[in-house]
Amino acid sequence: MAEINLKKLSRAELLEMMINFSEEAEAAKQHELQLREELEKEKLQLQHEMAEERAAMLKNFDEEKAEMRVKFNEQKAAMQEKFEKDINGLKARLAREKAEMKQQVDDAMSKIENSQSLAEASIQLGGIMEAAQKAADIYVENLKKNATKEYNELLKEIEESRARIKQAEEEQMKNIAQKAAETEEKPKKRTRKKKDE
């Protein structure tokens, strides 16, 4: 039927038909090029936005990480200062008790020198030496307990700080990966939308 109709058309009508077809084809080609250019522009814009978002997230991550490290170092310095202060206090106490024990020994030697017999000196020294030994044992035991306790607390706080830093790093990396996946999904959706149009 179409072939019969074409045969019935005059040369001028056929020529006009071909010109119209050529114009429509050219218009379709121009429209396709325009759509491709728009798509390319959107793609470049999305890539630029993604790059900026990633850079911003990495910058925020580095800033938070640096801030956490500063806090960790401050906590560590404070704990170290407290530990040194406690150690210095224990050393001062040890020096005082040592001086007291020396005084007790000097007193005992004085009593020995002033004693009439060896038996009398032994009786006088017995109580003093027992008291001195007992005081020394208690002091050493307390010193060991306090030092062990403070050392364990320091290790625990350091481990907790490291765990918090590691957890924050993992959360930041997860957020960066999620944002990257979301921004990569946007061009695909827009491409599908353009194709549907």
N, C-alpha and C. Protein backbone atom coordinates (compact mmCIF):
# COMPACT_ATOMS: atom_id res chain seq x y z
N MET A 1 0.84 -1.20 0.00
CA MET A 1 0.00 0.00 0.00
C MET A 1 0.87 1.24 0.00
N ALA A 2 1.91 1.24 0.89
CA ALA A 2 2.82 2.38 0.96
C ALA A 2 3.58 2.52 -0.35
N GLU A 3 3.94 1.36 -0.96
CA GLU A 3 4.66 1.39 -2.23
C GLU A 3 3.80 1.99 -3.34
N ILE A 4 2.52 1.63 -3.32
CA ILE A 4 1.58 2.18 -4.31
C ILE A 4 1.43 3.68 -4.11
N ASN A 5 1.31 4.10 -2.84
CA ASN A 5 1.18 5.53 -2.55
C ASN A 5 2.41 6.29 -3.00
N LEU A 6 3.60 5.72 -2.76
CA LEU A 6 4.83 6.39 -3.18
C LEU A 6 4.88 6.54 -4.70
N LYS A 7 4.37 5.54 -5.38
CA LYS A 7 4.38 5.59 -6.85
C LYS A 7 3.44 6.67 -7.37
N LYS A 8 2.38 6.89 -6.60
CA LYS A 8 1.41 7.89 -7.01
C LYS A 8 1.92 9.31 -6.76
N LEU A 9 2.91 9.47 -5.84
CA LEU A 9 3.42 10.81 -5.51
C LEU A 9 4.24 11.35 -6.66
N SER A 10 4.15 12.65 -6.79
CA SER A 10 4.93 13.31 -7.84
C SER A 10 6.38 13.45 -7.37
N ARG A 11 7.24 13.83 -8.30
CA ARG A 11 8.66 14.00 -8.00
C ARG A 11 8.84 15.08 -6.94
N ALA A 12 8.09 16.16 -7.03
CA ALA A 12 8.20 17.27 -6.07
C ALA A 12 7.79 16.81 -4.67
N GLU A 13 6.71 15.99 -4.64
CA GLU A 13 6.25 15.50 -3.33
C GLU A 13 7.28 14.54 -2.72
N LEU A 14 7.84 13.68 -3.59
CA LEU A 14 8.88 12.76 -3.11
C LEU A 14 10.10 13.53 -2.60
N LEU A 15 10.50 14.55 -3.34
CA LEU A 15 11.64 15.36 -2.93
C LEU A 15 11.37 16.07 -1.61
N GLU A 16 10.16 16.60 -1.49
CA GLU A 16 9.78 17.27 -0.23
C GLU A 16 9.79 16.28 0.93
N MET A 17 9.29 15.07 0.65
CA MET A 17 9.28 14.02 1.67
C MET A 17 10.69 13.65 2.12
N MET A 18 11.60 13.55 1.16
CA MET A 18 12.98 13.21 1.49
C MET A 18 13.66 14.33 2.29
N ILE A 19 13.36 15.57 1.92
CA ILE A 19 13.93 16.71 2.65
C ILE A 19 13.43 16.72 4.09
N ASN A 20 12.11 16.47 4.23
CA ASN A 20 11.54 16.42 5.60
C ASN A 20 12.17 15.31 6.42
N PHE A 21 12.32 14.14 5.78
CA PHE A 21 12.95 13.01 6.48
C PHE A 21 14.38 13.33 6.89
N SER A 22 15.10 13.98 5.98
CA SER A 22 16.49 14.36 6.26
C SER A 22 16.57 15.37 7.40
N GLU A 23 15.64 16.34 7.42
CA GLU A 23 15.61 17.34 8.48
C GLU A 23 15.28 16.70 9.83
N GLU A 24 14.31 15.77 9.80
CA GLU A 24 13.95 15.07 11.05
C GLU A 24 15.11 14.23 11.57
N ALA A 25 15.80 13.55 10.63
CA ALA A 25 16.95 12.73 11.03
C ALA A 25 18.05 13.61 11.62
N GLU A 26 18.29 14.77 11.00
CA GLU A 26 19.31 15.69 11.50
C GLU A 26 18.92 16.24 12.87
N ALA A 27 17.61 16.57 13.01
CA ALA A 27 17.13 17.08 14.31
C ALA A 27 17.28 16.01 15.39
N ALA A 28 16.96 14.75 15.04
CA ALA A 28 17.10 13.66 16.01
C ALA A 28 18.57 13.47 16.40
N LYS A 29 19.44 13.60 15.39
CA LYS A 29 20.87 13.46 15.66
C LYS A 29 21.36 14.59 16.58
N GLN A 30 20.92 15.82 16.32
CA GLN A 30 21.30 16.96 17.16
C GLN A 30 20.77 16.79 18.59
N HIS A 31 19.52 16.29 18.66
CA HIS A 31 18.92 16.06 19.99
C HIS A 31 19.72 15.01 20.77
N GLU A 32 20.13 13.96 20.06
CA GLU A 32 20.93 12.90 20.70
C GLU A 32 22.27 13.45 21.18
N LEU A 33 22.91 14.28 20.34
CA LEU A 33 24.18 14.88 20.75
C LEU A 33 24.01 15.79 21.96
N GLN A 34 22.91 16.54 21.95
CA GLN A 34 22.63 17.44 23.08
C GLN A 34 22.44 16.65 24.36
N LEU A 35 21.68 15.55 24.26
CA LEU A 35 21.45 14.70 25.44
C LEU A 35 22.76 14.11 25.95
N ARG A 36 23.60 13.68 25.01
CA ARG A 36 24.90 13.12 25.42
C ARG A 36 25.77 14.16 26.11
N GLU A 37 25.76 15.38 25.58
CA GLU A 37 26.54 16.46 26.21
C GLU A 37 26.03 16.77 27.61
N GLU A 38 24.70 16.82 27.75
CA GLU A 38 24.11 17.07 29.07
C GLU A 38 24.47 15.95 30.05
N LEU A 39 24.40 14.71 29.55
CA LEU A 39 24.74 13.57 30.40
C LEU A 39 26.21 13.61 30.82
N GLU A 40 27.07 13.98 29.88
CA GLU A 40 28.50 14.07 30.19
C GLU A 40 28.77 15.17 31.21
N LYS A 41 28.07 16.32 31.03
CA LYS A 41 28.22 17.41 31.99
C LYS A 41 27.78 16.99 33.38
N GLU A 42 26.63 16.32 33.45
CA GLU A 42 26.13 15.85 34.76
C GLU A 42 27.09 14.84 35.38
N LYS A 43 27.64 13.97 34.51
CA LYS A 43 28.60 12.97 35.00
C LYS A 43 29.84 13.65 35.59
N LEU A 44 30.37 14.65 34.86
CA LEU A 44 31.55 15.38 35.34
C LEU A 44 31.23 16.13 36.64
N GLN A 45 30.04 16.73 36.68
CA GLN A 45 29.65 17.46 37.88
C GLN A 45 29.53 16.53 39.08
N LEU A 46 28.93 15.36 38.85
CA LEU A 46 28.80 14.37 39.94
C LEU A 46 30.16 13.88 40.41
N GLN A 47 31.05 13.64 39.44
CA GLN A 47 32.40 13.20 39.81
C GLN A 47 33.11 14.27 40.63
N HIS A 48 32.92 15.53 40.23
CA HIS A 48 33.53 16.65 40.97
C HIS A 48 32.95 16.73 42.39
N GLU A 49 31.61 16.60 42.49
CA GLU A 49 30.96 16.64 43.81
C GLU A 49 31.43 15.48 44.68
N MET A 50 31.54 14.28 44.06
CA MET A 50 32.02 13.11 44.81
C MET A 50 33.44 13.33 45.32
N ALA A 51 34.28 13.89 44.45
CA ALA A 51 35.68 14.15 44.86
C ALA A 51 35.73 15.14 46.02
N GLU A 52 34.88 16.19 45.92
CA GLU A 52 34.85 17.18 47.00
C GLU A 52 34.34 16.57 48.31
N GLU A 53 33.28 15.74 48.20
CA GLU A 53 32.73 15.09 49.40
C GLU A 53 33.76 14.16 50.04
N ARG A 54 34.44 13.40 49.20
CA ARG A 54 35.47 12.49 49.74
C ARG A 54 36.58 13.26 50.42
N ALA A 55 37.01 14.35 49.76
CA ALA A 55 38.08 15.17 50.34
C ALA A 55 37.64 15.77 51.67
N ALA A 56 36.37 16.23 51.71
CA ALA A 56 35.86 16.82 52.95
C ALA A 56 35.78 15.76 54.06
N MET A 57 35.28 14.56 53.70
CA MET A 57 35.18 13.50 54.71
C MET A 57 36.55 13.07 55.21
N LEU A 58 37.51 12.97 54.29
CA LEU A 58 38.86 12.60 54.71
C LEU A 58 39.49 13.67 55.60
N LYS A 59 39.21 14.94 55.25
CA LYS A 59 39.73 16.04 56.06
C LYS A 59 39.14 16.00 57.47
N ASN A 60 37.80 15.80 57.54
CA ASN A 60 37.13 15.70 58.85
C ASN A 60 37.68 14.51 59.64
N PHE A 61 37.87 13.40 58.93
CA PHE A 61 38.40 12.21 59.59
C PHE A 61 39.79 12.46 60.17
N ASP A 62 40.65 13.11 59.36
CA ASP A 62 42.01 13.41 59.83
C ASP A 62 41.98 14.37 61.03
N GLU A 63 41.06 15.36 60.97
CA GLU A 63 40.96 16.32 62.08
C GLU A 63 40.50 15.63 63.36
N GLU A 64 39.47 14.76 63.22
CA GLU A 64 38.97 14.04 64.40
C GLU A 64 40.04 13.10 64.95
N LYS A 65 40.75 12.45 64.04
CA LYS A 65 41.81 11.53 64.46
C LYS A 65 42.91 12.28 65.21
N ALA A 66 43.29 13.45 64.65
CA ALA A 66 44.33 14.26 65.31
C ALA A 66 43.85 14.75 66.68
N GLU A 67 42.56 15.14 66.73
CA GLU A 67 42.00 15.61 68.01
C GLU A 67 42.01 14.49 69.05
N MET A 68 41.64 13.27 68.62
CA MET A 68 41.64 12.14 69.55
C MET A 68 43.05 11.80 70.02
N ARG A 69 44.00 11.92 69.10
CA ARG A 69 45.39 11.65 69.49
C ARG A 69 45.88 12.67 70.52
N VAL A 70 45.48 13.94 70.31
CA VAL A 70 45.86 14.99 71.28
C VAL A 70 45.27 14.67 72.65
N LYS A 71 43.97 14.30 72.66
CA LYS A 71 43.32 13.96 73.94
C LYS A 71 43.99 12.76 74.59
N PHE A 72 44.31 11.76 73.75
CA PHE A 72 44.97 10.56 74.27
C PHE A 72 46.32 10.91 74.89
N ASN A 73 47.08 11.76 74.20
CA ASN A 73 48.39 12.17 74.73
C ASN A 73 48.25 12.99 76.01
N GLU A 74 47.20 13.83 76.07
CA GLU A 74 46.95 14.60 77.29
C GLU A 74 46.62 13.68 78.46
N GLN A 75 45.74 12.68 78.19
CA GLN A 75 45.39 11.72 79.25
C GLN A 75 46.62 10.94 79.69
N LYS A 76 47.42 10.54 78.71
CA LYS A 76 48.63 9.77 79.03
C LYS A 76 49.59 10.60 79.88
N ALA A 77 49.75 11.90 79.49
CA ALA A 77 50.65 12.78 80.25
C ALA A 77 50.13 13.00 81.67
N ALA A 78 48.78 13.15 81.80
CA ALA A 78 48.19 13.35 83.13
C ALA A 78 48.40 12.11 84.00
N MET A 79 48.19 10.93 83.40
CA MET A 79 48.39 9.69 84.16
C MET A 79 49.86 9.50 84.55
N GLN A 80 50.75 9.86 83.62
CA GLN A 80 52.18 9.74 83.90
C GLN A 80 52.58 10.68 85.04
N GLU A 81 52.02 11.90 84.99
CA GLU A 81 52.32 12.88 86.05
C GLU A 81 51.81 12.38 87.41
N LYS A 82 50.59 11.82 87.40
CA LYS A 82 50.02 11.29 88.65
C LYS A 82 50.87 10.13 89.17
N PHE A 83 51.29 9.26 88.23
CA PHE A 83 52.11 8.11 88.62
C PHE A 83 53.43 8.57 89.24
N GLU A 84 54.07 9.55 88.58
CA GLU A 84 55.35 10.06 89.10
C GLU A 84 55.17 10.75 90.45
N LYS A 85 54.04 11.45 90.59
CA LYS A 85 53.75 12.11 91.86
C LYS A 85 53.59 11.08 92.98
N ASP A 86 52.85 10.00 92.66
CA ASP A 86 52.66 8.94 93.66
C ASP A 86 53.99 8.27 94.01
N ILE A 87 54.81 8.04 92.99
CA ILE A 87 56.11 7.41 93.22
C ILE A 87 56.99 8.30 94.10
N ASN A 88 56.96 9.61 93.79
CA ASN A 88 57.75 10.55 94.60
C ASN A 88 57.26 10.58 96.05
N GLY A 89 55.92 10.49 96.21
CA GLY A 89 55.36 10.44 97.56
C GLY A 89 55.81 9.19 98.31
N LEU A 90 55.83 8.07 97.58
CA LEU A 90 56.28 6.82 98.20
C LEU A 90 57.76 6.88 98.56
N LYS A 91 58.55 7.51 97.67
CA LYS A 91 59.98 7.65 97.97
C LYS A 91 60.21 8.52 99.20
N ALA A 92 59.44 9.59 99.31
CA ALA A 92 59.57 10.47 100.48
C ALA A 92 59.19 9.73 101.76
N ARG A 93 58.10 8.95 101.63
CA ARG A 93 57.67 8.17 102.80
C ARG A 93 58.74 7.15 103.19
N LEU A 94 59.32 6.51 102.18
CA LEU A 94 60.39 5.53 102.45
C LEU A 94 61.57 6.21 103.14
N ALA A 95 61.93 7.41 102.67
CA ALA A 95 63.05 8.12 103.29
C ALA A 95 62.75 8.46 104.75
N ARG A 96 61.48 8.88 105.00
CA ARG A 96 61.10 9.19 106.39
C ARG A 96 61.17 7.95 107.27
N GLU A 97 60.60 6.86 106.75
CA GLU A 97 60.59 5.63 107.56
C GLU A 97 62.00 5.08 107.75
N LYS A 98 62.84 5.27 106.74
CA LYS A 98 64.23 4.84 106.86
C LYS A 98 64.94 5.64 107.95
N ALA A 99 64.68 6.95 107.95
CA ALA A 99 65.27 7.80 108.99
C ALA A 99 64.78 7.41 110.38
N GLU A 100 63.46 7.07 110.45
CA GLU A 100 62.91 6.64 111.74
C GLU A 100 63.56 5.34 112.21
N MET A 101 63.72 4.40 111.25
CA MET A 101 64.35 3.13 111.61
C MET A 101 65.81 3.32 112.03
N LYS A 102 66.49 4.24 111.33
CA LYS A 102 67.89 4.53 111.71
C LYS A 102 67.95 5.11 113.12
N GLN A 103 66.96 5.97 113.40
CA GLN A 103 66.90 6.55 114.74
C GLN A 103 66.66 5.47 115.78
N GLN A 104 65.76 4.52 115.42
CA GLN A 104 65.49 3.41 116.36
C GLN A 104 66.74 2.56 116.57
N VAL A 105 67.49 2.32 115.48
CA VAL A 105 68.73 1.53 115.60
C VAL A 105 69.75 2.29 116.45
N ASP A 106 69.86 3.60 116.22
CA ASP A 106 70.78 4.41 117.02
C ASP A 106 70.39 4.38 118.50
N ASP A 107 69.05 4.46 118.75
CA ASP A 107 68.58 4.38 120.12
C ASP A 107 68.92 3.03 120.74
N ALA A 108 68.75 1.96 119.92
CA ALA A 108 69.07 0.62 120.42
C ALA A 108 70.55 0.49 120.74
N MET A 109 71.40 1.02 119.86
CA MET A 109 72.84 0.95 120.10
C MET A 109 73.21 1.74 121.35
N SER A 110 72.52 2.83 121.53
CA SER A 110 72.78 3.63 122.74
C SER A 110 72.40 2.85 123.99
N LYS A 111 71.26 2.13 123.89
CA LYS A 111 70.83 1.33 125.04
C LYS A 111 71.82 0.21 125.32
N ILE A 112 72.34 -0.39 124.23
CA ILE A 112 73.32 -1.47 124.41
C ILE A 112 74.56 -0.94 125.12
N GLU A 113 74.99 0.23 124.67
CA GLU A 113 76.19 0.80 125.28
C GLU A 113 75.97 1.15 126.75
N ASN A 114 74.73 1.51 127.07
CA ASN A 114 74.43 1.88 128.45
C ASN A 114 73.99 0.69 129.31
N SER A 115 73.83 -0.49 128.69
CA SER A 115 73.37 -1.68 129.44
C SER A 115 74.50 -2.24 130.29
N GLN A 116 74.11 -2.87 131.39
CA GLN A 116 75.07 -3.48 132.31
C GLN A 116 75.51 -4.86 131.83
N SER A 117 74.59 -5.57 131.13
CA SER A 117 74.95 -6.94 130.72
C SER A 117 74.37 -7.25 129.35
N LEU A 118 74.83 -8.34 128.77
CA LEU A 118 74.34 -8.80 127.47
C LEU A 118 72.87 -9.20 127.53
N ALA A 119 72.45 -9.80 128.61
CA ALA A 119 71.05 -10.23 128.77
C ALA A 119 70.13 -9.02 128.79
N GLU A 120 70.51 -8.00 129.50
CA GLU A 120 69.70 -6.78 129.57
C GLU A 120 69.60 -6.12 128.20
N ALA A 121 70.72 -6.09 127.44
CA ALA A 121 70.72 -5.51 126.09
C ALA A 121 69.82 -6.29 125.16
N SER A 122 69.85 -7.63 125.28
CA SER A 122 69.02 -8.48 124.43
C SER A 122 67.54 -8.22 124.67
N ILE A 123 67.16 -8.07 125.93
CA ILE A 123 65.75 -7.81 126.29
C ILE A 123 65.31 -6.47 125.72
N GLN A 124 66.14 -5.44 125.83
CA GLN A 124 65.79 -4.11 125.34
C GLN A 124 65.69 -4.07 123.81
N LEU A 125 66.59 -4.81 123.15
CA LEU A 125 66.61 -4.80 121.69
C LEU A 125 65.47 -5.62 121.07
N GLY A 126 65.03 -6.65 121.74
CA GLY A 126 64.02 -7.57 121.19
C GLY A 126 62.78 -6.86 120.69
N GLY A 127 62.18 -6.04 121.52
CA GLY A 127 60.94 -5.33 121.15
C GLY A 127 61.16 -4.36 120.01
N ILE A 128 62.27 -3.67 120.04
CA ILE A 128 62.55 -2.66 119.01
C ILE A 128 62.73 -3.32 117.64
N MET A 129 63.50 -4.40 117.59
CA MET A 129 63.79 -5.07 116.31
C MET A 129 62.53 -5.69 115.73
N GLU A 130 61.69 -6.28 116.58
CA GLU A 130 60.43 -6.86 116.09
C GLU A 130 59.53 -5.78 115.50
N ALA A 131 59.42 -4.68 116.18
CA ALA A 131 58.58 -3.57 115.69
C ALA A 131 59.12 -3.03 114.37
N ALA A 132 60.46 -2.89 114.30
CA ALA A 132 61.07 -2.37 113.08
C ALA A 132 60.86 -3.32 111.91
N GLN A 133 61.01 -4.63 112.13
CA GLN A 133 60.80 -5.62 111.08
C GLN A 133 59.36 -5.64 110.60
N LYS A 134 58.45 -5.56 111.54
CA LYS A 134 57.02 -5.56 111.21
C LYS A 134 56.66 -4.33 110.36
N ALA A 135 57.17 -3.17 110.78
CA ALA A 135 56.90 -1.93 110.04
C ALA A 135 57.48 -2.00 108.62
N ALA A 136 58.70 -2.56 108.50
CA ALA A 136 59.34 -2.68 107.19
C ALA A 136 58.55 -3.62 106.28
N ASP A 137 58.07 -4.75 106.83
CA ASP A 137 57.29 -5.71 106.03
C ASP A 137 55.98 -5.10 105.54
N ILE A 138 55.30 -4.39 106.41
CA ILE A 138 54.02 -3.75 106.03
C ILE A 138 54.25 -2.70 104.95
N TYR A 139 55.31 -1.92 105.12
CA TYR A 139 55.59 -0.87 104.14
C TYR A 139 55.91 -1.45 102.76
N VAL A 140 56.75 -2.47 102.71
CA VAL A 140 57.12 -3.09 101.43
C VAL A 140 55.90 -3.70 100.74
N GLU A 141 55.05 -4.36 101.52
CA GLU A 141 53.84 -4.97 100.96
C GLU A 141 52.90 -3.91 100.38
N ASN A 142 52.70 -2.82 101.13
CA ASN A 142 51.84 -1.73 100.64
C ASN A 142 52.41 -1.08 99.39
N LEU A 143 53.71 -0.91 99.39
CA LEU A 143 54.38 -0.31 98.23
C LEU A 143 54.17 -1.16 96.98
N LYS A 144 54.32 -2.48 97.12
CA LYS A 144 54.12 -3.39 95.99
C LYS A 144 52.67 -3.35 95.50
N LYS A 145 51.73 -3.38 96.43
CA LYS A 145 50.31 -3.36 96.06
C LYS A 145 49.95 -2.08 95.32
N ASN A 146 50.36 -0.93 95.86
CA ASN A 146 50.02 0.35 95.24
C ASN A 146 50.65 0.49 93.85
N ALA A 147 51.91 0.10 93.73
CA ALA A 147 52.59 0.22 92.44
C ALA A 147 51.94 -0.68 91.39
N THR A 148 51.60 -1.92 91.78
CA THR A 148 50.94 -2.86 90.86
C THR A 148 49.58 -2.35 90.44
N LYS A 149 48.81 -1.85 91.42
CA LYS A 149 47.47 -1.34 91.12
C LYS A 149 47.52 -0.15 90.15
N GLU A 150 48.40 0.80 90.42
CA GLU A 150 48.50 1.99 89.56
C GLU A 150 49.00 1.64 88.16
N TYR A 151 49.93 0.69 88.08
CA TYR A 151 50.43 0.27 86.78
C TYR A 151 49.34 -0.40 85.96
N ASN A 152 48.55 -1.28 86.61
CA ASN A 152 47.45 -1.95 85.90
C ASN A 152 46.38 -0.96 85.45
N GLU A 153 46.09 0.03 86.29
CA GLU A 153 45.10 1.06 85.91
C GLU A 153 45.59 1.87 84.72
N LEU A 154 46.88 2.19 84.70
CA LEU A 154 47.46 2.93 83.60
C LEU A 154 47.36 2.14 82.30
N LEU A 155 47.70 0.85 82.35
CA LEU A 155 47.61 -0.01 81.16
C LEU A 155 46.18 -0.11 80.67
N LYS A 156 45.24 -0.24 81.61
CA LYS A 156 43.82 -0.36 81.24
C LYS A 156 43.34 0.90 80.53
N GLU A 157 43.68 2.07 81.07
CA GLU A 157 43.24 3.34 80.46
C GLU A 157 43.87 3.53 79.09
N ILE A 158 45.13 3.11 78.92
CA ILE A 158 45.78 3.21 77.62
C ILE A 158 45.08 2.32 76.59
N GLU A 159 44.74 1.08 76.99
CA GLU A 159 44.05 0.15 76.10
C GLU A 159 42.67 0.68 75.72
N GLU A 160 41.95 1.26 76.69
CA GLU A 160 40.63 1.82 76.40
C GLU A 160 40.73 2.98 75.42
N SER A 161 41.73 3.83 75.57
CA SER A 161 41.92 4.95 74.65
C SER A 161 42.24 4.45 73.24
N ARG A 162 43.09 3.42 73.17
CA ARG A 162 43.41 2.85 71.85
C ARG A 162 42.18 2.24 71.19
N ALA A 163 41.35 1.56 71.98
CA ALA A 163 40.12 0.96 71.45
C ALA A 163 39.16 2.02 70.93
N ARG A 164 39.05 3.15 71.68
CA ARG A 164 38.17 4.23 71.23
C ARG A 164 38.66 4.83 69.91
N ILE A 165 39.97 5.03 69.79
CA ILE A 165 40.54 5.57 68.55
C ILE A 165 40.29 4.62 67.38
N LYS A 166 40.49 3.31 67.61
CA LYS A 166 40.29 2.32 66.55
C LYS A 166 38.84 2.28 66.12
N GLN A 167 37.92 2.33 67.09
CA GLN A 167 36.49 2.30 66.77
C GLN A 167 36.09 3.53 65.96
N ALA A 168 36.61 4.70 66.35
CA ALA A 168 36.30 5.93 65.61
C ALA A 168 36.83 5.86 64.18
N GLU A 169 38.03 5.29 64.00
CA GLU A 169 38.60 5.15 62.67
C GLU A 169 37.73 4.23 61.80
N GLU A 170 37.28 3.10 62.39
CA GLU A 170 36.45 2.16 61.64
C GLU A 170 35.13 2.80 61.25
N GLU A 171 34.51 3.58 62.16
CA GLU A 171 33.25 4.24 61.85
C GLU A 171 33.42 5.28 60.75
N GLN A 172 34.52 6.04 60.79
CA GLN A 172 34.78 7.04 59.76
C GLN A 172 34.97 6.38 58.40
N MET A 173 35.73 5.28 58.33
CA MET A 173 35.96 4.58 57.07
C MET A 173 34.65 4.00 56.53
N LYS A 174 33.79 3.51 57.43
CA LYS A 174 32.49 2.98 57.03
C LYS A 174 31.62 4.10 56.44
N ASN A 175 31.63 5.28 57.09
CA ASN A 175 30.85 6.41 56.59
C ASN A 175 31.37 6.88 55.23
N ILE A 176 32.68 6.89 55.06
CA ILE A 176 33.26 7.30 53.78
C ILE A 176 32.84 6.33 52.67
N ALA A 177 32.90 5.02 52.97
CA ALA A 177 32.51 4.01 51.98
C ALA A 177 31.03 4.14 51.63
N GLN A 178 30.19 4.39 52.63
CA GLN A 178 28.76 4.52 52.40
C GLN A 178 28.46 5.75 51.55
N LYS A 179 29.11 6.90 51.87
CA LYS A 179 28.91 8.12 51.09
C LYS A 179 29.38 7.92 49.65
N ALA A 180 30.51 7.24 49.48
CA ALA A 180 31.03 7.00 48.14
C ALA A 180 30.05 6.14 47.33
N ALA A 181 29.47 5.11 47.97
CA ALA A 181 28.50 4.25 47.29
C ALA A 181 27.26 5.03 46.90
N GLU A 182 26.80 5.93 47.79
CA GLU A 182 25.61 6.73 47.51
C GLU A 182 25.87 7.69 46.35
N THR A 183 27.04 8.35 46.35
CA THR A 183 27.32 9.30 45.28
C THR A 183 27.55 8.59 43.95
N GLU A 184 28.07 7.37 43.96
CA GLU A 184 28.25 6.60 42.73
C GLU A 184 26.91 6.11 42.18
N GLU A 185 25.94 5.93 43.04
CA GLU A 185 24.62 5.46 42.63
C GLU A 185 23.83 6.57 41.93
N LYS A 186 24.10 7.86 42.27
CA LYS A 186 23.35 8.99 41.70
C LYS A 186 23.49 9.05 40.18
N PRO A 187 24.69 8.96 39.57
CA PRO A 187 24.77 9.03 38.10
C PRO A 187 24.01 7.91 37.42
N LYS A 188 24.00 6.72 38.04
CA LYS A 188 23.29 5.58 37.44
C LYS A 188 21.80 5.87 37.38
N LYS A 189 21.24 6.42 38.46
CA LYS A 189 19.81 6.73 38.50
C LYS A 189 19.47 7.78 37.47
N ARG A 190 20.30 8.82 37.36
CA ARG A 190 20.03 9.88 36.39
C ARG A 190 20.13 9.36 34.97
N THR A 191 21.10 8.45 34.72
CA THR A 191 21.24 7.86 33.39
C THR A 191 20.01 7.07 33.02
N ARG A 192 19.49 6.27 33.98
CA ARG A 192 18.28 5.50 33.72
C ARG A 192 17.11 6.42 33.43
N LYS A 193 17.02 7.52 34.17
CA LYS A 193 15.92 8.48 34.00
C LYS A 193 15.99 9.09 32.60
N LYS A 194 17.18 9.47 32.15
CA LYS A 194 17.35 10.06 30.83
C LYS A 194 16.95 9.06 29.75
N LYS A 195 17.35 7.79 29.91
CA LYS A 195 17.01 6.76 28.94
C LYS A 195 15.49 6.57 28.86
N ASP A 196 14.83 6.60 30.06
CA ASP A 196 13.38 6.43 30.06
C ASP A 196 12.69 7.58 29.34
N GLU A 197 13.25 8.80 29.45
CA GLU A 197 12.68 9.94 28.74
C GLU A 197 12.86 9.79 27.24
